[in-house]
Amino acid sequence: MFSIGQISVRIFAGAAFKVLGFAGWKKQTIKRNLEYVSQGTWMSGEKLEAENLYKKMLRNLTWHVGELLFCFDVYKKLPEDCGAYPFSAGGKIFELAEGAAGTIEKMRRGGIFLTAHYGNYEASGAWLCALGVPLKASFIPLKPKWLNRFVYEKVRCVRGRPYSIDAKNPREFLDQLDGKAPDCGGKKQLFCLLADQDSRIGSAMDGTFLGRPAKINPLPDFLLRHRPNTPVFFCWIQEQGNRKILHAVEAQEPNETQRDMQKEMLKQVQHDVNQHDVNQHNMDQRGLDQHGSKQRDEKISIVDGAYRAWLEERIRENPALWYGWTHRRFRSTRPEIYH
């Protein structure tokens, strides 16, 4: 039995898929990304056909946008008690993956939550808030102002508590982790960051992604250098028919073998990195200090280490669920591939 919300999602997704497909929305960007990645070693001989990937990704994306528009409140009203799952609501069955309940308990005590434009990533934030996780998700304000206010107060708001934040400087980020920000009530927050986009700020770090050189966001490593004992978590929603399964894992420190593999990978792609003039003494707009290659040698970056390994595993499982294909992910290192 379909609910009105589910019927609305089907209608919207079907129409949006046809319109975007006819317009060729982001088609060339996806093609360029796929061609560039396929020249490396990440896919180990497996080839993804651009047209097929484009259609599958567009169907997934329009469906998830439809859920955001018509069924998002279902996620916001899910039980806080992990023992209440599996839970049926809105024609769907919501479950916690094995081990997720223990991880969620840790997430309720704060930390760093790294995620990506993978699957229904917006819904995972609302679900975590419903589970009592003190989430604060970093975002860039939208325009016009009325739309930004609507998203802040209505969309990214669970049980009267907005969970998005536009922090202006490092102190504000650290205050969230420490529970010292005005809206924290003395409780340490779980700071959330989408970390799969091309970082075009002066303090961006050199790294690898899908076997190719890439610039990565320095913020998570900045926070960890100043709060080294902060736990880091990854989370995503797996969909199987009408089942929604929430996965939550805690990042582990890399062992010696993983460190050696990481250093070797950096050596393999280093020759392909275009040299750019970077003004080392400038701070970026959020006041982050510079991360140099010497620091990378001392400690593996969380973004270029555990997070990258986690995200690449997700993309291998289902490439059409990673919407980062629509971004110019390698523009900072190889801008010519998008011309």
Foldseek 3Di string as FASTA:
>chain_A
DADPLRVQLVVQLVVQLVVCVVVCALLLLLVLVQVVLVVFPLVPPDHDDSVVLVSLLSSQVSSLVSCLVRPLVQLLQDALDLVCPQDDDNNFTEHAPVPQVVQLVVQLQAFEEEEALFGNVLSLQSNSVNNNRQAAEEDDADPPPVVSVCCQQPRQAHPRRGRYDHAFAPVVVLCLQQQNDPPSVRGRHHYYYHKQAADDWLQWDWADASLAIGTTDCVVVLNCVVVVVGWYKYWDWDDDPRYTYIYMDIFDFDDPVQLVVRVVSCVVHVVQFDDDDGDQVDATRRRGHHDDVVVCNVGPDCCRGRVRVVVSVSCVVPVSRHPCSSHSRHCVGCVPSSD
